[in-house]
C-alpha atoms as a PDB file:
ATOM      1  CA  MET A   1    -159.114 -24.331 -34.949  1.00  0.00           C
ATOM      2  CA  THR A   2    -161.836 -24.650 -37.595  1.00  0.00           C
ATOM      3  CA  SER A   3    -163.114 -21.738 -39.488  1.00  0.00           C
ATOM      4  CA  SER A   4    -167.058 -22.431 -39.557  1.00  0.00           C
ATOM      5  CA  THR A   5    -168.104 -19.761 -37.938  1.00  0.00           C
ATOM      6  CA  PRO A   6    -167.062 -17.059 -40.721  1.00  0.00           C
ATOM      7  CA  ASP A   7    -168.731 -19.676 -43.546  1.00  0.00           C
ATOM      8  CA  ALA A   8    -172.028 -19.418 -40.986  1.00  0.00           C
ATOM      9  CA  LEU A   9    -171.982 -15.498 -41.283  1.00  0.00           C
ATOM     10  CA  TRP A  10    -170.843 -15.004 -44.541  1.00  0.00           C
ATOM     11  CA  SER A  11    -173.734 -17.740 -45.512  1.00  0.00           C
ATOM     12  CA  ALA A  12    -176.630 -15.228 -44.979  1.00  0.00           C
ATOM     13  CA  PRO A  13    -178.811 -13.552 -48.025  1.00  0.00           C
ATOM     14  CA  SER A  14    -177.990 -10.667 -46.773  1.00  0.00           C
ATOM     15  CA  ALA A  15    -174.431 -10.438 -46.844  1.00  0.00           C
ATOM     16  CA  ARG A  16    -174.002 -12.484 -50.061  1.00  0.00           C
ATOM     17  CA  LEU A  17    -176.448  -9.560 -51.871  1.00  0.00           C
ATOM     18  CA  LEU A  18    -174.743  -6.751 -50.480  1.00  0.00           C
ATOM     19  CA  ARG A  19    -171.544  -8.026 -49.838  1.00  0.00           C
ATOM     20  CA  PRO A  20    -170.870  -5.905 -46.915  1.00  0.00           C
ATOM     21  CA  ALA A  21    -166.759  -5.272 -45.513  1.00  0.00           C
ATOM     22  CA  GLY A  22    -165.452  -7.375 -43.184  1.00  0.00           C
ATOM     23  CA  ILE A  23    -165.096  -4.597 -40.864  1.00  0.00           C
ATOM     24  CA  ALA A  24    -165.104  -1.202 -41.387  1.00  0.00           C
ATOM     25  CA  TRP A  25    -165.307   1.804 -39.550  1.00  0.00           C
ATOM     26  CA  THR A  26    -166.023   5.582 -39.631  1.00  0.00           C
ATOM     27  CA  ASN A  27    -164.895   8.842 -37.970  1.00  0.00           C
ATOM     28  CA  LEU A  28    -163.233   7.694 -35.329  1.00  0.00           C
ATOM     29  CA  ASP A  29    -161.660   9.327 -32.830  1.00  0.00           C
ATOM     30  CA  ARG A  30    -159.118   9.832 -30.300  1.00  0.00           C
ATOM     31  CA  GLY A  31    -157.184  13.085 -30.090  1.00  0.00           C
ATOM     32  CA  ARG A  32    -153.553  13.440 -31.358  1.00  0.00           C
ATOM     33  CA  LEU A  33    -153.705   9.597 -32.045  1.00  0.00           C
ATOM     34  CA  LEU A  34    -157.052   9.732 -34.490  1.00  0.00           C
ATOM     35  CA  THR A  35    -158.662  12.140 -35.703  1.00  0.00           C
ATOM     36  CA  GLY A  36    -161.821  11.340 -38.590  1.00  0.00           C
ATOM     37  CA  CYS A  37    -159.590   7.990 -38.993  1.00  0.00           C
ATOM     38  CA  SER A  38    -162.284   6.017 -41.537  1.00  0.00           C
ATOM     39  CA  LEU A  39    -161.817   2.580 -43.302  1.00  0.00           C
ATOM     40  CA  ALA A  40    -163.325   0.003 -45.255  1.00  0.00           C
ATOM     41  CA  VAL A  41    -161.471  -3.558 -44.932  1.00  0.00           C
ATOM     42  CA  PRO A  42    -163.265  -6.799 -47.232  1.00  0.00           C
ATOM     43  CA  VAL A  43    -163.375 -10.166 -46.234  1.00  0.00           C
ATOM     44  CA  GLY A  44    -160.287 -11.496 -45.625  1.00  0.00           C
ATOM     45  CA  ALA A  45    -158.062  -9.204 -46.447  1.00  0.00           C
ATOM     46  CA  ARG A  46    -154.550  -9.514 -43.934  1.00  0.00           C
ATOM     47  CA  VAL A  47    -153.804  -5.915 -43.269  1.00  0.00           C
ATOM     48  CA  LEU A  48    -150.398  -4.991 -42.349  1.00  0.00           C
ATOM     49  CA  ILE A  49    -150.610  -1.386 -40.198  1.00  0.00           C
ATOM     50  CA  ALA A  50    -147.925   0.948 -40.051  1.00  0.00           C
ATOM     51  CA  SER A  51    -148.803   3.880 -37.658  1.00  0.00           C
ATOM     52  CA  GLU A  52    -147.128   7.301 -37.078  1.00  0.00           C
ATOM     53  CA  PRO A  53    -146.811   7.822 -34.375  1.00  0.00           C
ATOM     54  CA  GLU A  54    -146.310   4.392 -33.121  1.00  0.00           C
ATOM     55  CA  ALA A  55    -148.955   4.287 -30.503  1.00  0.00           C
ATOM     56  CA  SER A  56    -151.568   5.060 -32.717  1.00  0.00           C
ATOM     57  CA  GLY A  57    -152.032   1.250 -34.334  1.00  0.00           C
ATOM     58  CA  SER A  58    -152.236  -0.118 -31.239  1.00  0.00           C
ATOM     59  CA  VAL A  59    -155.227   2.998 -30.008  1.00  0.00           C
ATOM     60  CA  LEU A  60    -157.191   1.665 -32.878  1.00  0.00           C
ATOM     61  CA  LEU A  61    -157.310  -2.313 -32.490  1.00  0.00           C
ATOM     62  CA  ARG A  62    -158.098  -1.870 -28.644  1.00  0.00           C
ATOM     63  CA  ILE A  63    -161.066   0.531 -30.024  1.00  0.00           C
ATOM     64  CA  LEU A  64    -161.903  -2.266 -32.944  1.00  0.00           C
ATOM     65  CA  ALA A  65    -162.146  -4.686 -30.198  1.00  0.00           C
ATOM     66  CA  GLY A  66    -164.994  -2.700 -27.684  1.00  0.00           C
ATOM     67  CA  LEU A  67    -161.307  -2.280 -25.160  1.00  0.00           C
ATOM     68  CA  SER A  68    -160.926   1.704 -25.261  1.00  0.00           C
ATOM     69  CA  PRO A  69    -163.502   4.348 -26.033  1.00  0.00           C
ATOM     70  CA  SER A  70    -163.917   6.221 -29.150  1.00  0.00           C
ATOM     71  CA  ARG A  71    -164.740   9.722 -28.814  1.00  0.00           C
ATOM     72  CA  ARG A  72    -166.561   9.334 -32.252  1.00  0.00           C
ATOM     73  CA  GLY A  73    -167.945   7.041 -35.401  1.00  0.00           C
ATOM     74  CA  GLU A  74    -168.980   3.768 -36.001  1.00  0.00           C
ATOM     75  CA  ILE A  75    -167.595   0.431 -36.355  1.00  0.00           C
ATOM     76  CA  GLN A  76    -169.184  -2.396 -38.125  1.00  0.00           C
ATOM     77  CA  ILE A  77    -168.403  -5.734 -38.991  1.00  0.00           C
ATOM     78  CA  ALA A  78    -170.379  -7.726 -41.910  1.00  0.00           C
ATOM     79  CA  GLY A  79    -172.059  -3.934 -42.529  1.00  0.00           C
ATOM     80  CA  MET A  80    -173.661  -4.906 -39.234  1.00  0.00           C
ATOM     81  CA  ARG A  81    -173.330  -1.995 -36.441  1.00  0.00           C
ATOM     82  CA  HIS A  82    -174.699  -4.282 -33.975  1.00  0.00           C
ATOM     83  CA  GLY A  83    -174.459  -8.158 -32.606  1.00  0.00           C
ATOM     84  CA  TRP A  84    -171.053  -8.988 -33.510  1.00  0.00           C
ATOM     85  CA  GLU A  85    -168.817  -7.788 -30.770  1.00  0.00           C
ATOM     86  CA  ARG A  86    -168.544 -11.989 -30.006  1.00  0.00           C
ATOM     87  CA  ARG A  87    -167.159 -12.149 -33.931  1.00  0.00           C
ATOM     88  CA  VAL A  88    -164.080  -9.904 -33.329  1.00  0.00           C
ATOM     89  CA  GLY A  89    -160.988 -11.926 -31.889  1.00  0.00           C
ATOM     90  CA  TYR A  90    -158.164  -9.795 -29.987  1.00  0.00           C
ATOM     91  CA  LEU A  91    -154.098 -10.285 -28.870  1.00  0.00           C
ATOM     92  CA  GLY A  92    -152.753  -7.568 -28.044  1.00  0.00           C
ATOM     93  CA  PRO A  93    -148.565  -7.730 -26.806  1.00  0.00           C
ATOM     94  CA  ASP A  94    -149.683  -8.717 -23.361  1.00  0.00           C
ATOM     95  CA  PRO A  95    -152.305 -11.266 -23.232  1.00  0.00           C
ATOM     96  CA  GLY A  96    -153.807 -10.536 -20.311  1.00  0.00           C
ATOM     97  CA  VAL A  97    -153.267 -14.745 -18.664  1.00  0.00           C
ATOM     98  CA  ARG A  98    -153.616 -14.948 -14.917  1.00  0.00           C
ATOM     99  CA  SER A  99    -149.944 -15.928 -14.471  1.00  0.00           C
ATOM    100  CA  TRP A 100    -151.858 -18.764 -11.992  1.00  0.00           C
ATOM    101  CA  MET A 101    -153.442 -20.202 -13.758  1.00  0.00           C
ATOM    102  CA  THR A 102    -152.908 -22.883 -16.322  1.00  0.00           C
ATOM    103  CA  PRO A 103    -153.303 -22.460 -20.484  1.00  0.00           C
ATOM    104  CA  ARG A 104    -156.020 -25.223 -20.131  1.00  0.00           C
ATOM    105  CA  GLU A 105    -157.590 -23.540 -17.568  1.00  0.00           C
ATOM    106  CA  THR A 106    -157.583 -20.300 -18.424  1.00  0.00           C
ATOM    107  CA  LEU A 107    -159.450 -21.655 -21.989  1.00  0.00           C
ATOM    108  CA  TRP A 108    -162.141 -23.105 -19.715  1.00  0.00           C
ATOM    109  CA  LEU A 109    -162.642 -19.852 -18.439  1.00  0.00           C
ATOM    110  CA  ALA A 110    -163.203 -18.139 -21.448  1.00  0.00           C
ATOM    111  CA  ALA A 111    -165.636 -20.469 -22.834  1.00  0.00           C
ATOM    112  CA  ASP A 112    -167.993 -20.136 -19.795  1.00  0.00           C
ATOM    113  CA  LEU A 113    -167.733 -16.853 -20.245  1.00  0.00           C
ATOM    114  CA  LEU A 114    -168.239 -17.296 -23.958  1.00  0.00           C
ATOM    115  CA  GLY A 115    -171.743 -19.571 -22.370  1.00  0.00           C
ATOM    116  CA  LEU A 116    -170.474 -22.902 -24.940  1.00  0.00           C
ATOM    117  CA  ALA A 117    -171.621 -26.047 -24.038  1.00  0.00           C
ATOM    118  CA  ALA A 118    -169.502 -28.191 -22.267  1.00  0.00           C
ATOM    119  CA  PRO A 119    -168.690 -30.633 -25.322  1.00  0.00           C
ATOM    120  CA  ASP A 120    -168.120 -27.928 -27.866  1.00  0.00           C
ATOM    121  CA  ALA A 121    -165.920 -26.281 -25.609  1.00  0.00           C
ATOM    122  CA  ARG A 122    -164.140 -29.093 -25.375  1.00  0.00           C
ATOM    123  CA  ARG A 123    -163.425 -29.887 -28.736  1.00  0.00           C
ATOM    124  CA  ARG A 124    -162.597 -26.496 -29.012  1.00  0.00           C
ATOM    125  CA  ILE A 125    -160.336 -26.009 -26.899  1.00  0.00           C
ATOM    126  CA  ALA A 126    -158.592 -28.876 -28.350  1.00  0.00           C
ATOM    127  CA  ASP A 127    -158.330 -27.394 -31.234  1.00  0.00           C
ATOM    128  CA  VAL A 128    -157.127 -24.220 -30.120  1.00  0.00           C
ATOM    129  CA  LEU A 129    -154.362 -25.747 -28.184  1.00  0.00           C
ATOM    130  CA  ALA A 130    -153.236 -27.838 -31.162  1.00  0.00           C
ATOM    131  CA  TRP A 131    -153.451 -24.728 -33.635  1.00  0.00           C
ATOM    132  CA  SER A 132    -151.228 -22.547 -30.638  1.00  0.00           C
ATOM    133  CA  ARG A 133    -149.207 -25.505 -30.513  1.00  0.00           C
ATOM    134  CA  ILE A 134    -149.425 -24.942 -26.934  1.00  0.00           C
ATOM    135  CA  PRO A 135    -147.999 -29.351 -25.508  1.00  0.00           C
ATOM    136  CA  ALA A 136    -150.406 -31.589 -23.315  1.00  0.00           C
ATOM    137  CA  GLY A 137    -147.322 -30.815 -20.578  1.00  0.00           C
ATOM    138  CA  ASP A 138    -147.808 -27.534 -20.983  1.00  0.00           C
ATOM    139  CA  ALA A 139    -151.096 -27.189 -21.061  1.00  0.00           C
ATOM    140  CA  ASP A 140    -151.452 -27.867 -16.934  1.00  0.00           C
ATOM    141  CA  VAL A 141    -148.760 -26.316 -15.392  1.00  0.00           C
ATOM    142  CA  PRO A 142    -149.197 -22.581 -14.153  1.00  0.00           C
ATOM    143  CA  VAL A 143    -148.141 -20.614 -17.173  1.00  0.00           C
ATOM    144  CA  ARG A 144    -145.242 -18.672 -15.394  1.00  0.00           C
ATOM    145  CA  ARG A 145    -143.274 -22.056 -15.348  1.00  0.00           C
ATOM    146  CA  GLY A 146    -143.412 -21.496 -19.274  1.00  0.00           C
ATOM    147  CA  GLY A 147    -142.677 -17.853 -19.503  1.00  0.00           C
ATOM    148  CA  PRO A 148    -143.605 -14.964 -21.906  1.00  0.00           C
ATOM    149  CA  ALA A 149    -143.823 -17.305 -24.867  1.00  0.00           C
ATOM    150  CA  LEU A 150    -146.472 -19.760 -22.932  1.00  0.00           C
ATOM    151  CA  ARG A 151    -148.577 -16.776 -21.668  1.00  0.00           C
ATOM    152  CA  GLN A 152    -148.449 -15.094 -25.376  1.00  0.00           C
ATOM    153  CA  ARG A 153    -149.591 -18.575 -27.079  1.00  0.00           C
ATOM    154  CA  THR A 154    -152.597 -18.899 -24.377  1.00  0.00           C
ATOM    155  CA  GLY A 155    -153.397 -15.860 -24.729  1.00  0.00           C
ATOM    156  CA  LEU A 156    -153.628 -16.762 -29.013  1.00  0.00           C
ATOM    157  CA  ALA A 157    -155.522 -19.392 -28.030  1.00  0.00           C
ATOM    158  CA  ALA A 158    -158.177 -17.545 -25.990  1.00  0.00           C
ATOM    159  CA  ALA A 159    -158.123 -15.509 -28.867  1.00  0.00           C
ATOM    160  CA  LEU A 160    -159.240 -18.068 -31.420  1.00  0.00           C
ATOM    161  CA  LEU A 161    -161.544 -20.153 -28.718  1.00  0.00           C
ATOM    162  CA  ASP A 162    -164.833 -18.429 -30.408  1.00  0.00           C
ATOM    163  CA  ASP A 163    -163.743 -18.757 -33.754  1.00  0.00           C
ATOM    164  CA  PRO A 164    -163.787 -15.177 -34.681  1.00  0.00           C
ATOM    165  CA  GLU A 165    -164.282 -13.798 -38.170  1.00  0.00           C
ATOM    166  CA  VAL A 166    -162.157 -10.597 -37.606  1.00  0.00           C
ATOM    167  CA  LEU A 167    -158.545 -11.106 -35.650  1.00  0.00           C
ATOM    168  CA  LEU A 168    -157.113  -7.998 -34.801  1.00  0.00           C
ATOM    169  CA  LEU A 169    -153.185  -8.390 -33.771  1.00  0.00           C
ATOM    170  CA  ASP A 170    -151.015  -5.880 -31.851  1.00  0.00           C
ATOM    171  CA  GLU A 171    -147.476  -6.862 -31.905  1.00  0.00           C
ATOM    172  CA  PRO A 172    -148.297 -10.155 -32.013  1.00  0.00           C
ATOM    173  CA  LEU A 173    -146.239 -13.690 -29.799  1.00  0.00           C
ATOM    174  CA  ARG A 174    -142.456 -10.841 -30.296  1.00  0.00           C
ATOM    175  CA  ALA A 175    -141.816 -13.921 -27.846  1.00  0.00           C
ATOM    176  CA  ILE A 176    -141.657 -16.835 -30.309  1.00  0.00           C
ATOM    177  CA  ASP A 177    -139.268 -18.533 -32.528  1.00  0.00           C
ATOM    178  CA  ALA A 178    -139.770 -15.845 -35.953  1.00  0.00           C
ATOM    179  CA  ALA A 179    -140.582 -19.013 -37.953  1.00  0.00           C
ATOM    180  CA  GLU A 180    -142.908 -20.484 -35.779  1.00  0.00           C
ATOM    181  CA  ARG A 181    -144.483 -17.028 -35.668  1.00  0.00           C
ATOM    182  CA  ARG A 182    -144.562 -17.029 -38.814  1.00  0.00           C
ATOM    183  CA  ARG A 183    -146.011 -20.555 -38.988  1.00  0.00           C
ATOM    184  CA  VAL A 184    -148.189 -20.004 -36.128  1.00  0.00           C
ATOM    185  CA  LEU A 185    -149.864 -16.971 -37.606  1.00  0.00           C
ATOM    186  CA  ARG A 186    -151.238 -17.517 -40.386  1.00  0.00           C
ATOM    187  CA  PHE A 187    -154.490 -18.968 -39.714  1.00  0.00           C
ATOM    188  CA  PRO A 188    -156.973 -20.319 -42.031  1.00  0.00           C
ATOM    189  CA  GLY A 189    -160.230 -19.290 -43.184  1.00  0.00           C
ATOM    190  CA  ARG A 190    -160.677 -17.564 -46.845  1.00  0.00           C
ATOM    191  CA  ARG A 191    -163.387 -15.770 -45.682  1.00  0.00           C
ATOM    192  CA  ARG A 192    -161.362 -14.352 -42.138  1.00  0.00           C
ATOM    193  CA  THR A 193    -160.119 -11.055 -41.789  1.00  0.00           C
ATOM    194  CA  VAL A 194    -156.973 -10.143 -40.534  1.00  0.00           C
ATOM    195  CA  LEU A 195    -155.569  -6.508 -39.143  1.00  0.00           C
ATOM    196  CA  LEU A 196    -152.050  -7.224 -37.943  1.00  0.00           C
ATOM    197  CA  ALA A 197    -150.461  -3.399 -36.224  1.00  0.00           C
ATOM    198  CA  SER A 198    -146.478  -3.480 -35.683  1.00  0.00           C
ATOM    199  CA  ARG A 199    -143.754  -1.769 -35.803  1.00  0.00           C
ATOM    200  CA  TYR A 200    -141.215  -4.394 -37.437  1.00  0.00           C
ATOM    201  CA  PRO A 201    -143.552  -4.490 -40.632  1.00  0.00           C
ATOM    202  CA  ALA A 202    -140.145  -6.929 -41.829  1.00  0.00           C
ATOM    203  CA  SER A 203    -140.779  -9.461 -39.334  1.00  0.00           C
ATOM    204  CA  GLU A 204    -144.452  -9.449 -41.322  1.00  0.00           C
ATOM    205  CA  ALA A 205    -143.287 -10.564 -44.767  1.00  0.00           C
ATOM    206  CA  GLY A 206    -145.920 -13.996 -45.870  1.00  0.00           C
ATOM    207  CA  LEU A 207    -148.405 -12.940 -43.408  1.00  0.00           C
ATOM    208  CA  VAL A 208    -150.218 -10.013 -45.284  1.00  0.00           C
ATOM    209  CA  SER A 209    -152.129  -9.031 -48.716  1.00  0.00           C
ATOM    210  CA  HIS A 210    -152.421  -5.204 -47.900  1.00  0.00           C
ATOM    211  CA  VAL A 211    -150.317  -2.694 -46.585  1.00  0.00           C
ATOM    212  CA  ALA A 212    -151.591   0.275 -44.809  1.00  0.00           C
ATOM    213  CA  LEU A 213    -150.313   3.467 -43.227  1.00  0.00           C
ATOM    214  CA  LEU A 214    -151.802   5.826 -40.244  1.00  0.00           C
ATOM    215  CA  ARG A 215    -150.226   9.015 -39.954  1.00  0.00           C
ATOM    216  CA  ALA A 216    -151.253  11.865 -38.006  1.00  0.00           C
ATOM    217  CA  GLY A 217    -155.083  10.109 -37.601  1.00  0.00           C
ATOM    218  CA  ARG A 218    -155.704   9.481 -40.769  1.00  0.00           C
ATOM    219  CA  PHE A 219    -155.086   6.257 -43.495  1.00  0.00           C
ATOM    220  CA  ALA A 220    -152.473   8.163 -45.873  1.00  0.00           C
ATOM    221  CA  MET A 221    -151.869   4.761 -48.231  1.00  0.00           C
ATOM    222  CA  LEU A 222    -153.938   1.548 -48.555  1.00  0.00           C
ATOM    223  CA  ALA A 223    -152.502  -0.662 -51.349  1.00  0.00           C
ATOM    224  CA  PRO A 224    -151.348  -4.350 -51.777  1.00  0.00           C
ATOM    225  CA  ALA A 225    -148.289  -5.500 -49.710  1.00  0.00           C
ATOM    226  CA  ASN A 226    -147.340  -6.524 -53.873  1.00  0.00           C
ATOM    227  CA  ASP A 227    -147.385  -2.691 -54.822  1.00  0.00           C
ATOM    228  CA  LEU A 228    -143.591  -2.268 -52.744  1.00  0.00           C
ATOM    229  CA  ALA A 229    -141.438  -4.759 -54.644  1.00  0.00           C
ATOM    230  CA  ALA A 230    -143.151  -3.331 -58.029  1.00  0.00           C
ATOM    231  CA  ALA A 231    -141.848   0.034 -56.688  1.00  0.00           C
ATOM    232  CA  GLY A 232    -138.585  -1.390 -55.995  1.00  0.00           C
ATOM    233  CA  LEU A 233    -139.027  -0.709 -51.874  1.00  0.00           C
ATOM    234  CA  PRO A 234    -138.668  -2.957 -48.648  1.00  0.00           C
ATOM    235  CA  LEU A 235    -141.322  -4.062 -46.089  1.00  0.00           C
ATOM    236  CA  SER A 236    -140.615  -1.602 -43.716  1.00  0.00           C
ATOM    237  CA  MET A 237    -141.828   1.419 -41.948  1.00  0.00           C
ATOM    238  CA  GLN A 238    -139.519   3.431 -44.436  1.00  0.00           C
ATOM    239  CA  GLY A 239    -140.292   1.769 -47.674  1.00  0.00           C
ATOM    240  CA  ILE A 240    -144.180   2.003 -46.560  1.00  0.00           C
ATOM    241  CA  VAL A 241    -143.661   5.850 -46.251  1.00  0.00           C
ATOM    242  CA  ALA A 242    -141.236   5.927 -49.164  1.00  0.00           C
ATOM    243  CA  LEU A 243    -144.728   3.820 -51.186  1.00  0.00           C
ATOM    244  CA  ALA A 244    -147.227   6.470 -49.474  1.00  0.00           C
ATOM    245  CA  GLU A 245    -145.531   9.414 -50.530  1.00  0.00           C
ATOM    246  CA  LEU A 246    -144.946   8.019 -54.658  1.00  0.00           C
ATOM    247  CA  ARG A 247    -148.199   7.448 -54.906  1.00  0.00           C
ATOM    248  CA  ALA A 248    -149.499  11.205 -53.301  1.00  0.00           C
ATOM    249  CA  ALA A 249    -147.016  12.213 -56.100  1.00  0.00           C
ATOM    250  CA  THR A 250    -148.128  10.652 -58.890  1.00  0.00           C
ATOM    251  CA  ALA A 251    -152.120  10.610 -57.874  1.00  0.00           C
ATOM    252  CA  GLY A 252    -152.765  13.459 -60.046  1.00  0.00           C
ATOM    253  CA  ALA A 253    -151.220  12.609 -62.806  1.00  0.00           C
ATOM    254  CA  GLU A 254    -152.658   9.279 -63.322  1.00  0.00           C
ATOM    255  CA  PRO A 255    -156.183   7.565 -62.820  1.00  0.00           C
ATOM    256  CA  ARG A 256    -155.961   6.383 -59.328  1.00  0.00           C
ATOM    257  CA  ARG A 257    -155.416   2.274 -59.449  1.00  0.00           C
ATOM    258  CA  ARG A 258    -158.658   0.928 -57.801  1.00  0.00           C
ATOM    259  CA  SER A 259    -157.824  -1.129 -54.546  1.00  0.00           C
ATOM    260  CA  PRO A 260    -159.613  -4.145 -53.115  1.00  0.00           C
ATOM    261  CA  ILE A 261    -159.365  -2.079 -49.801  1.00  0.00           C
ATOM    262  CA  THR A 262    -161.453   2.068 -49.685  1.00  0.00           C
ATOM    263  CA  ALA A 263    -160.889   4.135 -46.960  1.00  0.00           C
ATOM    264  CA  PRO A 264    -164.308   7.245 -47.354  1.00  0.00           C
END
C-alpha cells in the first residue's frame, strides 16, 4: 500500500502555509449521543476514541464518513469544507461486503465506483490485497467461504483502495487474531490520520498516539497516550476515565499543558 495521496494533498501551497488540521468538526449534533461535539485532529495523529455511552463513538465516525446525518455542524478535511470526501476511508463492524462476491470482484467494483483507470486499479488492488493479507487463493472465492475474517479483510482492503488521508475505524477486524490485527492496522504514512473507536482500549496498545474520551455527547479529554503510563493508569476504559477526572481536578491548579490535539 502506498501513501502518495496524502503527500499530494499536503504538498499544496495553502496546506503548507496554513497548517490545517487533518480532520476537524464543530458542533455536530445527534440527540443525546452528540451535543455540540467539536474536535480538531492534527495531521498524522492516531487517536483512540473511548465513549460513554458506547454508541456515541460509532455514530460520530459514521457522521464523519458521510454515512449518517448530523442535525447541524461542520466537517473539514485539510481546512476544506467540500471536495475531499474521497480522502476518507471507513471500516465498521459490518464491512458491508456482499458474501457472494469474491474479494477481487469487490475491489474491482469499488475501483469502478472511484473512477480508477484499469492499470491504476489493478496496481492498487494488488497492493491492498497484499496489505490485508488476502492470499491469492482466497481473493477469487466467494467471501462467505472464508468466514468473518475474510469478510473483514476485504472490507479493510476496500477502505484502503483510494489511499485515504483519513481512516475511520469502528471496532475493526475483531474476527482476526490479535497479533495479526495489530500488524495489519499499523498503517504507513506520516501524514495519514487515524480515528479508532473501540470498546476494548487495551487491544489498541501500540496502534494509537492519543486517547480521547467522548462523554455525554462532548469530548471530556484529549491526551497523549503516554500520559496514562505517566499517571500509572492502564490503557482501558477505566484508566481513560480516571485520567480525564484527574486532569479535570488539576486543571485549575496549574497551567494547562499544551496538547497536539485541540478541542474547541
